[in-house]
Amino acid sequence: MTKLSFLNLRFQAVAVVLSLVFLVALSSCELLLLSPTPSADNAAVFDTLWSTVRDRYPFFEFKRVDWQLVRTNYRSRALAATSNEELFAVLRDALNELKDDHTNLFTPFNISRARPYFQDSTNVDDEIIRLVYFRNEQMSNNGFPFIILERDGKRYGYIRYTSFSNNLSTTNISYAFKRCKDAGVEGIIIDIRGNGGGRGANGVLLASFLAKARAHVWTEVQKTGLGATDYGTPIEAYVSPSTAGERFTEKRVAVLTDRNSYSASSFFSASMKAPEFSHVRLIGDHTGGGSGNPADFQLPNGWTYRFSSTKCFIPAGRITREQALVSAPTANHDVDKELGYNFEAGVPVDIFVKINIRERSRDAVIERAVEYCRTGQ
């Protein structure tokens, strides 16, 4: 399958462990589509932004966003703006109607941000992790800290990875996994709750140390025009097992997620649904989503902006309708019988667990993960 010309070349650094027809790099991989610079009056600026989003944004129906109504509500405000700051505020508010964290407006004086998933309740308390689990005894492995937990004479590896923006390398992962193996652990717990994303390459690298075989992990289509069916040829993404370092495939792995696990965290979690990760279970709360790969565009006044321009699907047969409804009970579910499940609203967990924030002596999600590693249930 032909690689697209807009593929971000920064992922060549991890090519030795990837067997990708196409690698979505989430918030670090974007399409840069700059237009000529016409007149920079407010009408031209607003109309350029609005029409480009109309033609290229893929989730209007899924998120029940009436983009024509956005034009009605915001265009007059844009025309009435008397300063760059006022115009920025109007465009920011219009873009934020998309309810999409992969949406930004970049100016010399400000950057807009949407954080829809931050409105969801958290399912992790890092103070409990610090005081009850790490106890200042964790091995600090360059942004990939881990510790060996003991329960009833058995051992379990616990890794806390708070951002896919944190540097991750073959050495980081291999060292942690080897220490866990040397300790005779029953399984490993990888905690990405509250991980808002970052470099998708880190997620693919981590997945390569868990893959039992080459895995088709997701399929992506790019919105190419105004029509509801105007999408490019589906591109399949694959992860191959790492050929270097200590992989962890013989014993169970629990990946902990919550609604604040977004973007690269959702892509990593989606990968775990492949049959080549049969020893892995997602535990906690479903992820926050963020499966659209953002593209960059330029406005007539020189400002740039970005928004999701692709859909990504967990291949068909891996997500049941019941799981989909748990992830997004109010969404207009976008399930393609051939492509699979669009996980823009989140990746469903296999075992749902909520913490009790008043219970300060334990984390119910971690303890449930220990149980899975011990029993497989």
Protein backbone atom coordinates (compact mmCIF):
# COMPACT_ATOMS: atom_id res chain seq x y z
CA MET A 1 0.00 0.00 0.00
CA THR A 2 1.37 3.40 -0.94
CA LYS A 3 2.55 5.71 1.80
CA LEU A 4 1.02 9.20 1.71
CA SER A 5 3.31 12.10 1.00
CA PHE A 6 2.19 13.99 4.06
CA LEU A 7 3.51 11.31 6.48
CA ASN A 8 5.65 12.99 9.08
CA LEU A 9 9.25 11.89 8.63
CA ARG A 10 10.09 12.25 12.29
CA PHE A 11 9.09 8.65 12.86
CA GLN A 12 12.09 7.31 10.99
CA ALA A 13 13.85 7.12 14.35
CA VAL A 14 11.64 4.19 15.34
CA ALA A 15 11.42 2.54 11.96
CA VAL A 16 13.43 -0.45 13.15
CA VAL A 17 10.54 -1.58 15.31
CA LEU A 18 7.65 -0.55 13.11
CA SER A 19 6.07 -2.31 10.20
CA LEU A 20 3.63 0.40 9.28
CA VAL A 21 1.94 0.98 6.02
CA PHE A 22 0.98 4.27 7.56
CA LEU A 23 1.82 5.68 11.01
CA VAL A 24 -0.53 8.17 12.55
CA ALA A 25 1.47 10.35 14.88
CA LEU A 26 -1.51 11.94 16.61
CA SER A 27 -0.76 15.39 17.95
CA SER A 28 2.84 15.26 16.67
CA CYS A 29 1.96 14.31 13.10
CA GLU A 30 0.06 16.93 11.16
CA LEU A 31 -0.64 17.85 7.60
CA LEU A 32 0.58 21.31 6.65
CA LEU A 33 -1.71 22.80 4.02
CA LEU A 34 -0.87 26.47 3.50
CA SER A 35 -2.92 28.62 1.18
CA PRO A 36 -1.98 31.79 -0.72
CA THR A 37 -2.48 35.05 1.14
CA PRO A 38 -5.49 37.02 -0.13
CA SER A 39 -6.92 40.12 1.56
CA ALA A 40 -6.97 39.90 5.33
CA ASP A 41 -10.35 41.48 6.17
CA ASN A 42 -12.43 39.84 8.87
CA ALA A 43 -14.93 38.36 6.41
CA ALA A 44 -12.20 36.66 4.39
CA VAL A 45 -10.58 35.30 7.54
CA PHE A 46 -13.81 33.89 8.97
CA ASP A 47 -15.09 32.53 5.67
CA THR A 48 -11.80 30.78 4.94
CA LEU A 49 -11.77 29.08 8.32
CA TRP A 50 -15.45 28.13 8.22
CA SER A 51 -15.45 26.73 4.68
CA THR A 52 -12.24 24.75 5.18
CA VAL A 53 -13.62 23.13 8.32
CA ARG A 54 -16.91 22.45 6.48
CA ASP A 55 -15.06 20.59 3.74
CA ARG A 56 -12.45 18.73 5.77
CA TYR A 57 -13.77 18.01 9.28
CA PRO A 58 -14.95 14.37 9.59
CA PHE A 59 -16.99 14.31 12.82
CA PHE A 60 -19.97 16.68 12.33
CA GLU A 61 -22.54 13.89 12.35
CA PHE A 62 -20.78 11.85 15.00
CA LYS A 63 -20.65 14.80 17.41
CA ARG A 64 -23.96 16.29 16.26
CA VAL A 65 -22.36 19.64 15.41
CA ASP A 66 -24.43 21.98 13.20
CA TRP A 67 -21.66 23.83 11.36
CA GLN A 68 -24.12 25.96 9.39
CA LEU A 69 -25.52 27.21 12.69
CA VAL A 70 -21.97 28.06 13.79
CA ARG A 71 -21.68 30.32 10.73
CA THR A 72 -24.98 31.97 11.58
CA ASN A 73 -23.98 32.55 15.20
CA TYR A 74 -20.38 33.68 14.73
CA ARG A 75 -19.90 35.36 11.36
CA SER A 76 -21.54 38.66 12.36
CA ARG A 77 -19.41 38.71 15.50
CA ALA A 78 -16.28 38.19 13.43
CA LEU A 79 -17.19 41.05 11.10
CA ALA A 80 -17.83 43.33 14.09
CA ALA A 81 -14.47 42.59 15.75
CA THR A 82 -12.35 45.73 16.03
CA SER A 83 -9.06 44.17 17.18
CA ASN A 84 -7.01 41.05 16.63
CA GLU A 85 -7.85 39.94 20.15
CA GLU A 86 -11.59 40.20 19.49
CA LEU A 87 -11.30 38.34 16.19
CA PHE A 88 -9.20 35.66 17.87
CA ALA A 89 -11.89 35.16 20.52
CA VAL A 90 -14.60 34.70 17.89
CA LEU A 91 -12.61 32.22 15.83
CA ARG A 92 -11.56 30.35 18.96
CA ASP A 93 -15.15 30.00 20.13
CA ALA A 94 -16.29 28.86 16.69
CA LEU A 95 -13.58 26.19 16.50
CA ASN A 96 -14.31 25.01 20.01
CA GLU A 97 -17.86 24.17 18.91
CA LEU A 98 -16.24 21.09 17.38
CA LYS A 99 -15.57 19.70 20.89
CA ASP A 100 -12.23 18.42 19.63
CA ASP A 101 -8.95 18.72 21.52
CA HIS A 102 -7.02 18.44 18.24
CA THR A 103 -8.25 21.95 17.44
CA ASN A 104 -6.07 25.05 17.82
CA LEU A 105 -5.79 28.58 16.49
CA PHE A 106 -2.20 29.88 16.47
CA THR A 107 -1.46 33.62 16.53
CA PRO A 108 1.59 35.67 17.56
CA PHE A 109 -0.14 36.58 20.81
CA ASN A 110 -2.21 33.57 21.81
CA ILE A 111 -3.06 29.92 21.10
CA SER A 112 -6.57 28.56 21.51
CA ARG A 113 -7.13 25.20 23.15
CA ALA A 114 -10.13 22.94 23.47
CA ARG A 115 -10.23 20.53 26.38
CA PRO A 116 -13.56 18.68 26.20
CA TYR A 117 -12.28 15.60 28.00
CA PHE A 118 -11.15 17.63 31.02
CA GLN A 119 -14.82 18.03 31.92
CA ASP A 120 -15.01 14.33 32.70
CA SER A 121 -14.32 13.05 36.18
CA THR A 122 -10.81 11.84 36.83
CA ASN A 123 -10.20 8.24 37.81
CA VAL A 124 -6.76 8.61 39.35
CA ASP A 125 -5.22 10.35 42.33
CA ASP A 126 -1.46 10.78 41.94
CA GLU A 127 -1.08 11.58 45.62
CA ILE A 128 -2.29 8.07 46.48
CA ILE A 129 0.11 6.61 43.93
CA ARG A 130 2.95 8.65 45.41
CA LEU A 131 2.22 7.87 49.06
CA VAL A 132 0.79 4.34 48.90
CA TYR A 133 2.44 2.70 45.89
CA PHE A 134 5.69 4.45 45.02
CA ARG A 135 6.57 5.49 48.60
CA ASN A 136 9.64 7.26 47.18
CA GLU A 137 11.06 3.85 46.25
CA GLN A 138 10.28 3.83 42.53
CA MET A 139 13.01 3.41 39.98
CA SER A 140 13.02 6.68 38.03
CA ASN A 141 13.60 5.55 34.47
CA ASN A 142 13.69 8.83 32.51
CA GLY A 143 9.96 9.62 32.61
CA PHE A 144 8.99 5.92 32.82
CA PRO A 145 9.07 5.27 36.59
CA PHE A 146 8.24 1.79 37.90
CA ILE A 147 8.21 -0.27 41.06
CA ILE A 148 7.71 -3.90 42.05
CA LEU A 149 4.54 -4.35 44.14
CA GLU A 150 4.05 -7.29 46.48
CA ARG A 151 0.68 -8.86 47.29
CA ASP A 152 0.33 -12.11 49.27
CA GLY A 153 3.84 -13.23 48.46
CA LYS A 154 3.54 -12.50 44.73
CA ARG A 155 5.06 -9.68 42.74
CA TYR A 156 3.69 -7.33 40.09
CA GLY A 157 5.37 -4.63 38.02
CA TYR A 158 3.75 -1.20 38.15
CA ILE A 159 4.69 1.51 35.63
CA ARG A 160 3.30 5.06 35.68
CA TYR A 161 3.56 6.83 32.30
CA THR A 162 1.95 10.26 32.53
CA SER A 163 2.60 11.69 29.06
CA PHE A 164 3.46 10.31 25.66
CA SER A 165 5.42 13.54 25.22
CA ASN A 166 7.97 12.17 27.70
CA ASN A 167 10.93 10.66 25.90
CA LEU A 168 10.65 6.91 25.55
CA SER A 169 13.32 4.62 24.17
CA THR A 170 14.09 0.96 23.68
CA THR A 171 16.42 1.26 26.67
CA ASN A 172 13.69 2.72 28.95
CA ILE A 173 11.18 0.01 28.18
CA SER A 174 13.60 -2.89 28.03
CA TYR A 175 15.17 -1.98 31.38
CA ALA A 176 11.81 -1.78 33.15
CA PHE A 177 10.57 -5.04 31.64
CA LYS A 178 13.81 -6.87 32.41
CA ARG A 179 13.75 -5.75 36.04
CA CYS A 180 10.16 -7.00 36.26
CA LYS A 181 11.10 -10.35 34.73
CA ASP A 182 14.11 -10.71 37.02
CA ALA A 183 11.81 -10.08 39.99
CA GLY A 184 9.54 -12.93 38.88
CA VAL A 185 6.42 -10.80 38.52
CA GLU A 186 3.02 -12.33 37.77
CA GLY A 187 2.29 -9.50 35.36
CA ILE A 188 2.85 -5.83 34.56
CA ILE A 189 0.54 -2.88 35.11
CA ILE A 190 1.01 0.12 32.77
CA ASP A 191 -0.86 3.13 34.13
CA ILE A 192 -1.68 5.83 31.54
CA ARG A 193 -4.56 7.43 33.41
CA GLY A 194 -4.47 11.20 32.96
CA ASN A 195 -2.05 10.84 30.05
CA GLY A 196 -3.26 13.51 27.60
CA GLY A 197 -1.20 12.21 24.69
CA GLY A 198 1.89 13.45 22.91
CA ARG A 199 4.10 11.66 20.39
CA GLY A 200 2.30 8.77 18.77
CA ALA A 201 5.66 7.17 17.99
CA ASN A 202 6.13 6.54 21.71
CA GLY A 203 2.85 4.64 21.84
CA VAL A 204 3.81 2.50 18.87
CA LEU A 205 7.22 1.82 20.38
CA LEU A 206 5.70 0.73 23.69
CA ALA A 207 3.17 -1.45 21.88
CA SER A 208 5.99 -3.14 19.97
CA PHE A 209 7.34 -4.51 23.27
CA LEU A 210 3.96 -6.11 24.03
CA ALA A 211 3.03 -7.46 20.59
CA LYS A 212 3.14 -11.23 20.16
CA ALA A 213 3.20 -10.86 16.37
CA ARG A 214 2.71 -8.26 13.66
CA ALA A 215 -0.63 -6.62 14.37
CA HIS A 216 -3.09 -4.55 12.34
CA VAL A 217 -3.88 -1.95 15.00
CA TRP A 218 -6.09 0.62 13.27
CA THR A 219 -7.29 1.89 9.91
CA GLU A 220 -7.34 5.57 8.94
CA VAL A 221 -9.27 7.49 6.30
CA GLN A 222 -8.75 11.16 5.45
CA LYS A 223 -11.58 13.58 4.70
CA THR A 224 -10.96 14.94 1.20
CA GLY A 225 -14.02 17.02 0.34
CA LEU A 226 -17.45 18.38 1.20
CA GLY A 227 -19.44 15.22 0.57
CA ALA A 228 -20.33 12.88 3.39
CA THR A 229 -18.50 10.06 1.63
CA ASP A 230 -15.52 12.07 0.38
CA TYR A 231 -12.70 10.12 1.99
CA GLY A 232 -9.39 8.86 0.70
CA THR A 233 -8.33 5.24 0.41
CA PRO A 234 -8.22 3.50 3.81
CA ILE A 235 -4.70 3.17 5.18
CA GLU A 236 -3.90 0.33 7.57
CA ALA A 237 -1.43 0.77 10.42
CA TYR A 238 0.58 -2.12 11.80
CA VAL A 239 2.86 -2.71 14.77
CA SER A 240 5.55 -5.39 14.67
CA PRO A 241 7.25 -6.93 17.71
CA SER A 242 10.40 -5.16 18.81
CA THR A 243 13.57 -6.87 17.66
CA ALA A 244 15.63 -5.32 20.45
CA GLY A 245 15.43 -5.54 24.22
CA GLU A 246 13.10 -7.35 26.61
CA ARG A 247 9.56 -7.81 25.36
CA PHE A 248 6.76 -8.82 27.74
CA THR A 249 4.40 -11.25 26.04
CA GLU A 250 4.30 -14.42 28.16
CA LYS A 251 2.45 -13.07 31.18
CA ARG A 252 -0.51 -10.76 31.65
CA VAL A 253 -0.47 -7.00 31.19
CA ALA A 254 -3.03 -4.50 32.52
CA VAL A 255 -3.26 -1.06 30.93
CA LEU A 256 -5.03 1.48 33.15
CA THR A 257 -6.99 4.25 31.43
CA ASP A 258 -9.53 6.93 32.21
CA ARG A 259 -11.39 9.73 30.44
CA ASN A 260 -8.28 11.91 30.63
CA SER A 261 -6.29 9.35 28.61
CA TYR A 262 -6.44 11.12 25.27
CA SER A 263 -5.00 11.15 21.74
CA ALA A 264 -1.81 9.04 21.77
CA SER A 265 -3.21 7.25 24.84
CA SER A 266 -6.32 6.31 22.87
CA PHE A 267 -4.25 5.09 19.94
CA PHE A 268 -2.12 2.95 22.25
CA SER A 269 -5.26 1.58 23.92
CA ALA A 270 -6.87 0.89 20.54
CA SER A 271 -3.80 -1.15 19.60
CA MET A 272 -4.33 -3.36 22.64
CA LYS A 273 -7.63 -4.56 21.13
CA ALA A 274 -5.75 -6.51 18.44
CA PRO A 275 -5.63 -10.30 18.93
CA GLU A 276 -1.81 -10.10 19.01
CA PHE A 277 -2.23 -8.44 22.44
CA SER A 278 -4.46 -11.18 23.85
CA HIS A 279 -2.61 -11.07 27.18
CA VAL A 280 -3.49 -7.37 27.68
CA ARG A 281 -6.63 -5.95 29.29
CA LEU A 282 -7.75 -2.32 29.54
CA ILE A 283 -8.90 -1.58 33.08
CA GLY A 284 -10.47 1.55 34.62
CA ASP A 285 -12.61 3.92 32.56
CA HIS A 286 -12.80 4.30 28.78
CA THR A 287 -10.33 6.72 27.22
CA GLY A 288 -11.13 10.29 26.25
CA GLY A 289 -10.81 9.61 22.52
CA GLY A 290 -9.03 11.92 20.12
CA SER A 291 -8.63 9.60 17.14
CA GLY A 292 -8.54 12.29 14.45
CA ASN A 293 -5.16 13.14 12.93
CA PRO A 294 -4.95 16.97 12.77
CA ALA A 295 -4.07 18.96 9.66
CA ASP A 296 -2.71 22.55 9.64
CA PHE A 297 -4.09 25.37 7.48
CA GLN A 298 -3.36 29.07 7.07
CA LEU A 299 -5.76 32.02 7.21
CA PRO A 300 -5.58 35.10 4.94
CA ASN A 301 -4.15 37.20 7.78
CA GLY A 302 -1.26 34.77 8.33
CA TRP A 303 -2.64 32.99 11.40
CA THR A 304 -2.66 29.20 11.29
CA TYR A 305 -5.11 26.72 12.68
CA ARG A 306 -5.60 22.99 12.86
CA PHE A 307 -8.37 20.47 13.31
CA SER A 308 -8.90 16.74 12.91
CA SER A 309 -9.12 15.72 9.26
CA THR A 310 -9.11 11.92 9.54
CA LYS A 311 -11.10 9.14 11.14
CA CYS A 312 -9.41 6.14 12.69
CA PHE A 313 -11.10 2.81 13.23
CA ILE A 314 -10.43 -0.15 15.48
CA PRO A 315 -10.75 -3.01 12.97
CA ALA A 316 -14.14 -4.68 12.74
CA GLY A 317 -15.07 -7.35 15.25
CA ARG A 318 -13.03 -6.06 18.19
CA ILE A 319 -15.59 -3.71 19.81
CA THR A 320 -19.12 -4.85 20.57
CA ARG A 321 -22.10 -2.50 20.35
CA GLU A 322 -22.51 -2.82 24.12
CA GLN A 323 -18.93 -1.67 24.68
CA ALA A 324 -19.41 1.19 22.23
CA LEU A 325 -22.48 2.43 24.09
CA VAL A 326 -20.57 2.37 27.38
CA SER A 327 -17.84 4.54 25.82
CA ALA A 328 -20.19 7.09 24.29
CA PRO A 329 -23.86 6.55 25.20
CA THR A 330 -25.01 9.79 23.53
CA ALA A 331 -22.81 9.62 20.41
CA ASN A 332 -24.11 8.87 16.94
CA HIS A 333 -21.96 5.76 16.70
CA ASP A 334 -19.88 5.54 13.58
CA VAL A 335 -19.36 1.84 13.03
CA ASP A 336 -18.35 0.77 9.55
CA LYS A 337 -18.98 -2.92 8.87
CA GLU A 338 -15.72 -3.14 6.93
CA LEU A 339 -13.47 -0.57 8.64
CA GLY A 340 -14.61 -1.10 12.23
CA TYR A 341 -15.25 1.18 15.22
CA ASN A 342 -14.45 4.90 15.10
CA PHE A 343 -12.91 5.57 18.53
CA GLU A 344 -13.09 9.38 18.46
CA ALA A 345 -15.24 9.23 21.62
CA GLY A 346 -12.94 6.79 23.40
CA VAL A 347 -11.70 3.21 23.56
CA PRO A 348 -13.87 1.01 25.81
CA VAL A 349 -12.18 -0.80 28.68
CA ASP A 350 -12.40 -4.54 29.23
CA ILE A 351 -12.87 -4.19 33.00
CA PHE A 352 -14.62 -1.08 34.30
CA VAL A 353 -13.49 0.19 37.72
CA LYS A 354 -13.89 3.56 39.42
CA ILE A 355 -11.78 4.76 42.32
CA ASN A 356 -13.28 6.04 45.53
CA ILE A 357 -11.61 9.41 46.08
CA ARG A 358 -12.34 9.20 49.81
CA GLU A 359 -10.45 5.93 50.12
CA ARG A 360 -6.90 7.15 50.74
CA SER A 361 -5.18 3.83 51.46
CA ARG A 362 -5.60 2.13 48.08
CA ASP A 363 -6.35 2.66 44.40
CA ALA A 364 -9.20 0.37 43.33
CA VAL A 365 -8.09 0.37 39.70
CA ILE A 366 -4.53 -0.73 40.53
CA GLU A 367 -5.80 -3.41 42.91
CA ARG A 368 -8.20 -4.72 40.26
CA ALA A 369 -5.29 -4.84 37.82
CA VAL A 370 -3.32 -6.90 40.33
CA GLU A 371 -6.24 -9.33 40.47
CA TYR A 372 -6.32 -9.64 36.69
CA CYS A 373 -2.57 -10.28 36.55
CA ARG A 374 -2.94 -12.97 39.22
CA THR A 375 -6.06 -14.75 37.98
CA GLY A 376 -6.70 -13.69 34.39
CA GLN A 377 -10.17 -12.54 35.45
